[in-house]
Amino acid sequence: MSIISTWHVSHNGIMYPAGVPITDLPQEEQDRLVEDGLARYTDEEETDSKSTFLTLEAFTNLKASQQKEQLVLIELTPGANEQERIDQYAAWLEQQDL
């Protein structure tokens, strides 16, 4: 079984964007992500390129540490406060070809 994460996941040096099936995580890690509401189980191998990135609303709902991790994964230096991080992510989203 695989999971689809609602945010970017880095495992064994590989970054998995949100919305992409992840099949090589240990089952306990998959369970933890699902229990924390950060992923869902799936048997599907589909990906939707428009769901590859978190929406601004989903990013806003992340904890500060998760927001910072997401910004680092997209190669941005996280802002010091929540509004700066939200503004950074919003600007980055606008630059993506969605």
PDB file of N, CA and C in Angstrom:
ATOM      1  N   MET A   1       0.856  -1.180   0.000  1.00  0.00           N
ATOM      2  CA  MET A   1       0.000   0.000   0.000  1.00  0.00           C
ATOM      3  C   MET A   1       0.894   1.233   0.000  1.00  0.00           C
ATOM      4  N   SER A   2       0.411   2.297  -0.576  1.00  0.00           N
ATOM      5  CA  SER A   2       1.168   3.536  -0.579  1.00  0.00           C
ATOM      6  C   SER A   2       0.323   4.641   0.039  1.00  0.00           C
ATOM      7  N   ILE A   3       0.969   5.767   0.237  1.00  0.00           N
ATOM      8  CA  ILE A   3       0.277   6.937   0.765  1.00  0.00           C
ATOM      9  C   ILE A   3       0.475   8.095  -0.201  1.00  0.00           C
ATOM     10  N   ILE A   4      -0.398   9.052  -0.107  1.00  0.00           N
ATOM     11  CA  ILE A   4      -0.228  10.322  -0.801  1.00  0.00           C
ATOM     12  C   ILE A   4      -0.200  11.382   0.286  1.00  0.00           C
ATOM     13  N   SER A   5       0.897  12.107   0.339  1.00  0.00           N
ATOM     14  CA  SER A   5       1.084  13.126   1.360  1.00  0.00           C
ATOM     15  C   SER A   5       0.430  14.434   0.938  1.00  0.00           C
ATOM     16  N   THR A   6      -0.028  15.191   1.912  1.00  0.00           N
ATOM     17  CA  THR A   6      -0.607  16.506   1.629  1.00  0.00           C
ATOM     18  C   THR A   6       0.439  17.605   1.719  1.00  0.00           C
ATOM     19  N   TRP A   7       1.692  17.219   1.990  1.00  0.00           N
ATOM     20  CA  TRP A   7       2.804  18.170   2.014  1.00  0.00           C
ATOM     21  C   TRP A   7       4.059  17.437   1.576  1.00  0.00           C
ATOM     22  N   HIS A   8       5.093  18.176   1.248  1.00  0.00           N
ATOM     23  CA  HIS A   8       6.331  17.568   0.761  1.00  0.00           C
ATOM     24  C   HIS A   8       6.968  16.692   1.836  1.00  0.00           C
ATOM     25  N   VAL A   9       7.476  15.532   1.429  1.00  0.00           N
ATOM     26  CA  VAL A   9       8.121  14.599   2.332  1.00  0.00           C
ATOM     27  C   VAL A   9       9.515  14.300   1.794  1.00  0.00           C
ATOM     28  N   SER A  10      10.507  14.323   2.672  1.00  0.00           N
ATOM     29  CA  SER A  10      11.862  13.951   2.304  1.00  0.00           C
ATOM     30  C   SER A  10      12.207  12.666   3.047  1.00  0.00           C
ATOM     31  N   HIS A  11      12.626  11.639   2.285  1.00  0.00           N
ATOM     32  CA  HIS A  11      12.956  10.343   2.880  1.00  0.00           C
ATOM     33  C   HIS A  11      14.117   9.731   2.112  1.00  0.00           C
ATOM     34  N   ASN A  12      15.168   9.333   2.832  1.00  0.00           N
ATOM     35  CA  ASN A  12      16.352   8.716   2.221  1.00  0.00           C
ATOM     36  C   ASN A  12      16.932   9.568   1.091  1.00  0.00           C
ATOM     37  N   GLY A  13      16.927  10.877   1.288  1.00  0.00           N
ATOM     38  CA  GLY A  13      17.517  11.773   0.304  1.00  0.00           C
ATOM     39  C   GLY A  13      16.646  12.058  -0.904  1.00  0.00           C
ATOM     40  N   ILE A  14      15.425  11.554  -0.902  1.00  0.00           N
ATOM     41  CA  ILE A  14      14.502  11.783  -2.012  1.00  0.00           C
ATOM     42  C   ILE A  14      13.379  12.682  -1.527  1.00  0.00           C
ATOM     43  N   MET A  15      13.071  13.748  -2.297  1.00  0.00           N
ATOM     44  CA  MET A  15      11.962  14.615  -1.936  1.00  0.00           C
ATOM     45  C   MET A  15      10.739  14.214  -2.748  1.00  0.00           C
ATOM     46  N   TYR A  16       9.640  13.978  -2.052  1.00  0.00           N
ATOM     47  CA  TYR A  16       8.377  13.641  -2.677  1.00  0.00           C
ATOM     48  C   TYR A  16       7.452  14.848  -2.547  1.00  0.00           C
ATOM     49  N   PRO A  17       7.059  15.459  -3.657  1.00  0.00           N
ATOM     50  CA  PRO A  17       6.125  16.585  -3.567  1.00  0.00           C
ATOM     51  C   PRO A  17       4.765  16.131  -3.054  1.00  0.00           C
ATOM     52  N   ALA A  18       4.020  17.033  -2.506  1.00  0.00           N
ATOM     53  CA  ALA A  18       2.658  16.722  -2.067  1.00  0.00           C
ATOM     54  C   ALA A  18       1.865  16.201  -3.257  1.00  0.00           C
ATOM     55  N   GLY A  19       1.035  15.201  -3.019  1.00  0.00           N
ATOM     56  CA  GLY A  19       0.179  14.672  -4.062  1.00  0.00           C
ATOM     57  C   GLY A  19       0.775  13.528  -4.852  1.00  0.00           C
ATOM     58  N   VAL A  20       2.029  13.177  -4.592  1.00  0.00           N
ATOM     59  CA  VAL A  20       2.692  12.093  -5.310  1.00  0.00           C
ATOM     60  C   VAL A  20       2.691  10.841  -4.442  1.00  0.00           C
ATOM     61  N   PRO A  21       2.318   9.688  -4.989  1.00  0.00           N
ATOM     62  CA  PRO A  21       2.334   8.457  -4.182  1.00  0.00           C
ATOM     63  C   PRO A  21       3.736   8.149  -3.648  1.00  0.00           C
ATOM     64  N   ILE A  22       3.790   7.711  -2.400  1.00  0.00           N
ATOM     65  CA  ILE A  22       5.048   7.323  -1.761  1.00  0.00           C
ATOM     66  C   ILE A  22       4.904   5.862  -1.365  1.00  0.00           C
ATOM     67  N   THR A  23       5.783   5.024  -1.884  1.00  0.00           N
ATOM     68  CA  THR A  23       5.651   3.586  -1.636  1.00  0.00           C
ATOM     69  C   THR A  23       6.776   3.010  -0.794  1.00  0.00           C
ATOM     70  N   ASP A  24       7.873   3.747  -0.597  1.00  0.00           N
ATOM     71  CA  ASP A  24       9.030   3.151   0.081  1.00  0.00           C
ATOM     72  C   ASP A  24       9.231   3.596   1.519  1.00  0.00           C
ATOM     73  N   LEU A  25       8.239   4.233   2.119  1.00  0.00           N
ATOM     74  CA  LEU A  25       8.328   4.568   3.538  1.00  0.00           C
ATOM     75  C   LEU A  25       8.008   3.337   4.372  1.00  0.00           C
ATOM     76  N   PRO A  26       8.682   3.159   5.508  1.00  0.00           N
ATOM     77  CA  PRO A  26       8.298   2.067   6.406  1.00  0.00           C
ATOM     78  C   PRO A  26       6.825   2.227   6.820  1.00  0.00           C
ATOM     79  N   GLN A  27       6.147   1.125   7.034  1.00  0.00           N
ATOM     80  CA  GLN A  27       4.726   1.164   7.350  1.00  0.00           C
ATOM     81  C   GLN A  27       4.429   2.043   8.561  1.00  0.00           C
ATOM     82  N   GLU A  28       5.300   2.000   9.576  1.00  0.00           N
ATOM     83  CA  GLU A  28       5.059   2.822  10.776  1.00  0.00           C
ATOM     84  C   GLU A  28       5.094   4.311  10.449  1.00  0.00           C
ATOM     85  N   GLU A  29       5.957   4.716   9.515  1.00  0.00           N
ATOM     86  CA  GLU A  29       6.005   6.129   9.106  1.00  0.00           C
ATOM     87  C   GLU A  29       4.759   6.494   8.307  1.00  0.00           C
ATOM     88  N   GLN A  30       4.317   5.591   7.432  1.00  0.00           N
ATOM     89  CA  GLN A  30       3.083   5.835   6.688  1.00  0.00           C
ATOM     90  C   GLN A  30       1.920   6.006   7.655  1.00  0.00           C
ATOM     91  N   ASP A  31       1.835   5.110   8.629  1.00  0.00           N
ATOM     92  CA  ASP A  31       0.757   5.176   9.622  1.00  0.00           C
ATOM     93  C   ASP A  31       0.798   6.487  10.390  1.00  0.00           C
ATOM     94  N   ARG A  32       2.009   6.918  10.783  1.00  0.00           N
ATOM     95  CA  ARG A  32       2.143   8.163  11.539  1.00  0.00           C
ATOM     96  C   ARG A  32       1.656   9.354  10.721  1.00  0.00           C
ATOM     97  N   LEU A  33       2.055   9.429   9.444  1.00  0.00           N
ATOM     98  CA  LEU A  33       1.627  10.539   8.594  1.00  0.00           C
ATOM     99  C   LEU A  33       0.116  10.551   8.414  1.00  0.00           C
ATOM    100  N   VAL A  34      -0.476   9.383   8.235  1.00  0.00           N
ATOM    101  CA  VAL A  34      -1.929   9.302   8.071  1.00  0.00           C
ATOM    102  C   VAL A  34      -2.634   9.683   9.367  1.00  0.00           C
ATOM    103  N   GLU A  35      -2.150   9.159  10.503  1.00  0.00           N
ATOM    104  CA  GLU A  35      -2.765   9.478  11.801  1.00  0.00           C
ATOM    105  C   GLU A  35      -2.678  10.967  12.118  1.00  0.00           C
ATOM    106  N   ASP A  36      -1.584  11.610  11.687  1.00  0.00           N
ATOM    107  CA  ASP A  36      -1.414  13.045  11.926  1.00  0.00           C
ATOM    108  C   ASP A  36      -2.195  13.892  10.926  1.00  0.00           C
ATOM    109  N   GLY A  37      -2.879  13.253   9.979  1.00  0.00           N
ATOM    110  CA  GLY A  37      -3.670  13.987   8.994  1.00  0.00           C
ATOM    111  C   GLY A  37      -2.829  14.608   7.889  1.00  0.00           C
ATOM    112  N   LEU A  38      -1.609  14.129   7.719  1.00  0.00           N
ATOM    113  CA  LEU A  38      -0.699  14.710   6.732  1.00  0.00           C
ATOM    114  C   LEU A  38      -0.614  13.879   5.456  1.00  0.00           C
ATOM    115  N   ALA A  39      -1.326  12.750   5.414  1.00  0.00           N
ATOM    116  CA  ALA A  39      -1.321  11.878   4.241  1.00  0.00           C
ATOM    117  C   ALA A  39      -2.572  11.011   4.284  1.00  0.00           C
ATOM    118  N   ARG A  40      -2.809  10.340   3.160  1.00  0.00           N
ATOM    119  CA  ARG A  40      -3.919   9.384   3.094  1.00  0.00           C
ATOM    120  C   ARG A  40      -3.430   8.133   2.388  1.00  0.00           C
ATOM    121  N   TYR A  41      -4.014   7.004   2.721  1.00  0.00           N
ATOM    122  CA  TYR A  41      -3.679   5.753   2.047  1.00  0.00           C
ATOM    123  C   TYR A  41      -4.290   5.749   0.657  1.00  0.00           C
ATOM    124  N   THR A  42      -3.629   5.080  -0.267  1.00  0.00           N
ATOM    125  CA  THR A  42      -4.159   4.947  -1.613  1.00  0.00           C
ATOM    126  C   THR A  42      -3.592   3.696  -2.273  1.00  0.00           C
ATOM    127  N   ASP A  43      -4.374   3.109  -3.131  1.00  0.00           N
ATOM    128  CA  ASP A  43      -3.894   2.024  -3.979  1.00  0.00           C
ATOM    129  C   ASP A  43      -3.687   2.555  -5.394  1.00  0.00           C
ATOM    130  N   GLU A  44      -4.068   3.801  -5.594  1.00  0.00           N
ATOM    131  CA  GLU A  44      -4.001   4.422  -6.912  1.00  0.00           C
ATOM    132  C   GLU A  44      -2.584   4.873  -7.220  1.00  0.00           C
ATOM    133  N   GLU A  45      -2.233   4.856  -8.463  1.00  0.00           N
ATOM    134  CA  GLU A  45      -0.932   5.351  -8.892  1.00  0.00           C
ATOM    135  C   GLU A  45      -1.088   6.655  -9.665  1.00  0.00           C
ATOM    136  N   GLU A  46      -2.225   7.290  -9.509  1.00  0.00           N
ATOM    137  CA  GLU A  46      -2.497   8.534 -10.220  1.00  0.00           C
ATOM    138  C   GLU A  46      -1.842   9.719  -9.523  1.00  0.00           C
ATOM    139  N   THR A  47      -1.481  10.693 -10.280  1.00  0.00           N
ATOM    140  CA  THR A  47      -1.056  11.965  -9.715  1.00  0.00           C
ATOM    141  C   THR A  47      -1.718  13.059 -10.507  1.00  0.00           C
ATOM    142  N   ASP A  48      -2.042  14.094  -9.845  1.00  0.00           N
ATOM    143  CA  ASP A  48      -2.649  15.265 -10.477  1.00  0.00           C
ATOM    144  C   ASP A  48      -1.664  16.397 -10.327  1.00  0.00           C
ATOM    145  N   SER A  49      -1.096  16.857 -11.415  1.00  0.00           N
ATOM    146  CA  SER A  49      -0.053  17.882 -11.327  1.00  0.00           C
ATOM    147  C   SER A  49      -0.548  19.148 -10.647  1.00  0.00           C
ATOM    148  N   LYS A  50      -1.836  19.409 -10.710  1.00  0.00           N
ATOM    149  CA  LYS A  50      -2.347  20.601 -10.048  1.00  0.00           C
ATOM    150  C   LYS A  50      -2.394  20.433  -8.541  1.00  0.00           C
ATOM    151  N   SER A  51      -2.322  19.199  -8.032  1.00  0.00           N
ATOM    152  CA  SER A  51      -2.344  18.987  -6.590  1.00  0.00           C
ATOM    153  C   SER A  51      -0.950  18.699  -6.048  1.00  0.00           C
ATOM    154  N   THR A  52       0.082  18.916  -6.868  1.00  0.00           N
ATOM    155  CA  THR A  52       1.440  18.632  -6.450  1.00  0.00           C
ATOM    156  C   THR A  52       1.873  19.543  -5.308  1.00  0.00           C
ATOM    157  N   PHE A  53       1.382  20.756  -5.276  1.00  0.00           N
ATOM    158  CA  PHE A  53       1.775  21.702  -4.245  1.00  0.00           C
ATOM    159  C   PHE A  53       0.616  21.962  -3.293  1.00  0.00           C
ATOM    160  N   LEU A  54       0.968  22.274  -2.060  1.00  0.00           N
ATOM    161  CA  LEU A  54      -0.061  22.641  -1.083  1.00  0.00           C
ATOM    162  C   LEU A  54      -0.772  23.903  -1.533  1.00  0.00           C
ATOM    163  N   THR A  55      -2.054  23.960  -1.256  1.00  0.00           N
ATOM    164  CA  THR A  55      -2.757  25.218  -1.470  1.00  0.00           C
ATOM    165  C   THR A  55      -2.281  26.207  -0.409  1.00  0.00           C
ATOM    166  N   LEU A  56      -2.531  27.468  -0.639  1.00  0.00           N
ATOM    167  CA  LEU A  56      -2.147  28.473   0.351  1.00  0.00           C
ATOM    168  C   LEU A  56      -2.877  28.230   1.664  1.00  0.00           C
ATOM    169  N   GLU A  57      -4.133  27.826   1.576  1.00  0.00           N
ATOM    170  CA  GLU A  57      -4.907  27.534   2.795  1.00  0.00           C
ATOM    171  C   GLU A  57      -4.283  26.372   3.566  1.00  0.00           C
ATOM    172  N   ALA A  58      -3.893  25.315   2.856  1.00  0.00           N
ATOM    173  CA  ALA A  58      -3.279  24.156   3.521  1.00  0.00           C
ATOM    174  C   ALA A  58      -1.951  24.551   4.157  1.00  0.00           C
ATOM    175  N   PHE A  59      -1.165  25.373   3.462  1.00  0.00           N
ATOM    176  CA  PHE A  59       0.106  25.833   4.009  1.00  0.00           C
ATOM    177  C   PHE A  59      -0.129  26.661   5.266  1.00  0.00           C
ATOM    178  N   THR A  60      -1.117  27.528   5.237  1.00  0.00           N
ATOM    179  CA  THR A  60      -1.436  28.380   6.381  1.00  0.00           C
ATOM    180  C   THR A  60      -1.817  27.553   7.600  1.00  0.00           C
ATOM    181  N   ASN A  61      -2.448  26.404   7.377  1.00  0.00           N
ATOM    182  CA  ASN A  61      -2.888  25.548   8.483  1.00  0.00           C
ATOM    183  C   ASN A  61      -1.783  24.688   9.082  1.00  0.00           C
ATOM    184  N   LEU A  62      -0.598  24.683   8.473  1.00  0.00           N
ATOM    185  CA  LEU A  62       0.517  23.911   9.019  1.00  0.00           C
ATOM    186  C   LEU A  62       1.067  24.568  10.279  1.00  0.00           C
ATOM    187  N   LYS A  63       1.681  23.760  11.132  1.00  0.00           N
ATOM    188  CA  LYS A  63       2.398  24.285  12.291  1.00  0.00           C
ATOM    189  C   LYS A  63       3.623  25.037  11.789  1.00  0.00           C
ATOM    190  N   ALA A  64       4.156  25.926  12.615  1.00  0.00           N
ATOM    191  CA  ALA A  64       5.312  26.730  12.219  1.00  0.00           C
ATOM    192  C   ALA A  64       6.473  25.869  11.737  1.00  0.00           C
ATOM    193  N   SER A  65       6.766  24.794  12.449  1.00  0.00           N
ATOM    194  CA  SER A  65       7.889  23.925  12.055  1.00  0.00           C
ATOM    195  C   SER A  65       7.631  23.280  10.702  1.00  0.00           C
ATOM    196  N   GLN A  66       6.378  22.932  10.418  1.00  0.00           N
ATOM    197  CA  GLN A  66       6.036  22.327   9.129  1.00  0.00           C
ATOM    198  C   GLN A  66       6.118  23.359   8.006  1.00  0.00           C
ATOM    199  N   GLN A  67       5.683  24.594   8.289  1.00  0.00           N
ATOM    200  CA  GLN A  67       5.806  25.654   7.283  1.00  0.00           C
ATOM    201  C   GLN A  67       7.276  25.863   6.928  1.00  0.00           C
ATOM    202  N   LYS A  68       8.120  25.913   7.952  1.00  0.00           N
ATOM    203  CA  LYS A  68       9.546  26.116   7.718  1.00  0.00           C
ATOM    204  C   LYS A  68      10.122  24.977   6.891  1.00  0.00           C
ATOM    205  N   GLU A  69       9.747  23.750   7.219  1.00  0.00           N
ATOM    206  CA  GLU A  69      10.248  22.590   6.475  1.00  0.00           C
ATOM    207  C   GLU A  69       9.828  22.656   5.010  1.00  0.00           C
ATOM    208  N   GLN A  70       8.591  23.042   4.774  1.00  0.00           N
ATOM    209  CA  GLN A  70       8.109  23.139   3.397  1.00  0.00           C
ATOM    210  C   GLN A  70       8.873  24.199   2.615  1.00  0.00           C
ATOM    211  N   LEU A  71       9.144  25.331   3.250  1.00  0.00           N
ATOM    212  CA  LEU A  71       9.897  26.395   2.570  1.00  0.00           C
ATOM    213  C   LEU A  71      11.316  25.947   2.265  1.00  0.00           C
ATOM    214  N   VAL A  72      11.938  25.236   3.168  1.00  0.00           N
ATOM    215  CA  VAL A  72      13.287  24.716   2.924  1.00  0.00           C
ATOM    216  C   VAL A  72      13.262  23.733   1.755  1.00  0.00           C
ATOM    217  N   LEU A  73      12.243  22.879   1.693  1.00  0.00           N
ATOM    218  CA  LEU A  73      12.144  21.898   0.614  1.00  0.00           C
ATOM    219  C   LEU A  73      11.992  22.550  -0.757  1.00  0.00           C
ATOM    220  N   ILE A  74      11.405  23.735  -0.799  1.00  0.00           N
ATOM    221  CA  ILE A  74      11.282  24.436  -2.080  1.00  0.00           C
ATOM    222  C   ILE A  74      12.389  25.483  -2.233  1.00  0.00           C
ATOM    223  N   GLU A  75      13.429  25.306  -1.418  1.00  0.00           N
ATOM    224  CA  GLU A  75      14.665  26.085  -1.500  1.00  0.00           C
ATOM    225  C   GLU A  75      14.480  27.573  -1.196  1.00  0.00           C
ATOM    226  N   LEU A  76      13.650  27.852  -0.184  1.00  0.00           N
ATOM    227  CA  LEU A  76      13.489  29.204   0.333  1.00  0.00           C
ATOM    228  C   LEU A  76      13.960  29.230   1.785  1.00  0.00           C
ATOM    229  N   THR A  77      14.492  30.362   2.207  1.00  0.00           N
ATOM    230  CA  THR A  77      14.870  30.540   3.605  1.00  0.00           C
ATOM    231  C   THR A  77      13.633  31.025   4.352  1.00  0.00           C
ATOM    232  N   PRO A  78      13.150  30.247   5.319  1.00  0.00           N
ATOM    233  CA  PRO A  78      11.902  30.599   6.002  1.00  0.00           C
ATOM    234  C   PRO A  78      11.968  31.942   6.721  1.00  0.00           C
ATOM    235  N   GLY A  79      10.871  32.684   6.618  1.00  0.00           N
ATOM    236  CA  GLY A  79      10.750  33.944   7.332  1.00  0.00           C
ATOM    237  C   GLY A  79      10.657  33.710   8.826  1.00  0.00           C
ATOM    238  N   ALA A  80      10.900  34.759   9.586  1.00  0.00           N
ATOM    239  CA  ALA A  80      10.946  34.652  11.039  1.00  0.00           C
ATOM    240  C   ALA A  80       9.565  34.476  11.678  1.00  0.00           C
ATOM    241  N   ASN A  81       8.530  35.033  11.044  1.00  0.00           N
ATOM    242  CA  ASN A  81       7.204  34.897  11.645  1.00  0.00           C
ATOM    243  C   ASN A  81       6.218  34.294  10.643  1.00  0.00           C
ATOM    244  N   GLU A  82       5.073  33.924  11.147  1.00  0.00           N
ATOM    245  CA  GLU A  82       4.090  33.209  10.333  1.00  0.00           C
ATOM    246  C   GLU A  82       3.675  33.995   9.096  1.00  0.00           C
ATOM    247  N   GLN A  83       3.397  35.272   9.245  1.00  0.00           N
ATOM    248  CA  GLN A  83       2.932  36.051   8.089  1.00  0.00           C
ATOM    249  C   GLN A  83       4.003  36.134   7.005  1.00  0.00           C
ATOM    250  N   GLU A  84       5.263  36.260   7.401  1.00  0.00           N
ATOM    251  CA  GLU A  84       6.345  36.269   6.416  1.00  0.00           C
ATOM    252  C   GLU A  84       6.392  34.947   5.658  1.00  0.00           C
ATOM    253  N   ARG A  85       6.244  33.835   6.376  1.00  0.00           N
ATOM    254  CA  ARG A  85       6.280  32.524   5.734  1.00  0.00           C
ATOM    255  C   ARG A  85       5.101  32.345   4.782  1.00  0.00           C
ATOM    256  N   ILE A  86       3.929  32.797   5.194  1.00  0.00           N
ATOM    257  CA  ILE A  86       2.746  32.709   4.333  1.00  0.00           C
ATOM    258  C   ILE A  86       2.952  33.559   3.085  1.00  0.00           C
ATOM    259  N   ASP A  87       3.481  34.763   3.252  1.00  0.00           N
ATOM    260  CA  ASP A  87       3.744  35.640   2.110  1.00  0.00           C
ATOM    261  C   ASP A  87       4.774  35.011   1.165  1.00  0.00           C
ATOM    262  N   GLN A  88       5.807  34.378   1.744  1.00  0.00           N
ATOM    263  CA  GLN A  88       6.816  33.714   0.922  1.00  0.00           C
ATOM    264  C   GLN A  88       6.187  32.605   0.090  1.00  0.00           C
ATOM    265  N   TYR A  89       5.380  31.784   0.735  1.00  0.00           N
ATOM    266  CA  TYR A  89       4.769  30.662   0.028  1.00  0.00           C
ATOM    267  C   TYR A  89       3.794  31.162  -1.035  1.00  0.00           C
ATOM    268  N   ALA A  90       3.020  32.195  -0.703  1.00  0.00           N
ATOM    269  CA  ALA A  90       2.074  32.754  -1.674  1.00  0.00           C
ATOM    270  C   ALA A  90       2.815  33.274  -2.902  1.00  0.00           C
ATOM    271  N   ALA A  91       3.921  33.975  -2.696  1.00  0.00           N
ATOM    272  CA  ALA A  91       4.708  34.489  -3.820  1.00  0.00           C
ATOM    273  C   ALA A  91       5.286  33.344  -4.640  1.00  0.00           C
ATOM    274  N   TRP A  92       5.768  32.301  -3.962  1.00  0.00           N
ATOM    275  CA  TRP A  92       6.321  31.154  -4.669  1.00  0.00           C
ATOM    276  C   TRP A  92       5.238  30.450  -5.489  1.00  0.00           C
ATOM    277  N   LEU A  93       4.045  30.284  -4.897  1.00  0.00           N
ATOM    278  CA  LEU A  93       2.946  29.646  -5.617  1.00  0.00           C
ATOM    279  C   LEU A  93       2.596  30.411  -6.890  1.00  0.00           C
ATOM    280  N   GLU A  94       2.583  31.727  -6.803  1.00  0.00           N
ATOM    281  CA  GLU A  94       2.259  32.560  -7.963  1.00  0.00           C
ATOM    282  C   GLU A  94       3.250  32.342  -9.098  1.00  0.00           C
ATOM    283  N   GLN A  95       4.488  32.011  -8.761  1.00  0.00           N
ATOM    284  CA  GLN A  95       5.524  31.810  -9.790  1.00  0.00           C
ATOM    285  C   GLN A  95       5.445  30.443 -10.448  1.00  0.00           C
ATOM    286  N   GLN A  96       4.699  29.510  -9.854  1.00  0.00           N
ATOM    287  CA  GLN A  96       4.602  28.159 -10.412  1.00  0.00           C
ATOM    288  C   GLN A  96       3.633  28.140 -11.582  1.00  0.00           C
ATOM    289  N   ASP A  97       3.902  27.312 -12.545  1.00  0.00           N
ATOM    290  CA  ASP A  97       3.032  27.181 -13.715  1.00  0.00           C
ATOM    291  C   ASP A  97       1.971  26.124 -13.426  1.00  0.00           C
ATOM    292  N   LEU A  98       0.929  26.535 -12.716  1.00  0.00           N
ATOM    293  CA  LEU A  98      -0.139  25.606 -12.358  1.00  0.00           C
ATOM    294  C   LEU A  98      -1.249  25.808 -13.338  1.00  0.00           C
TER     295      LEU A  98
END
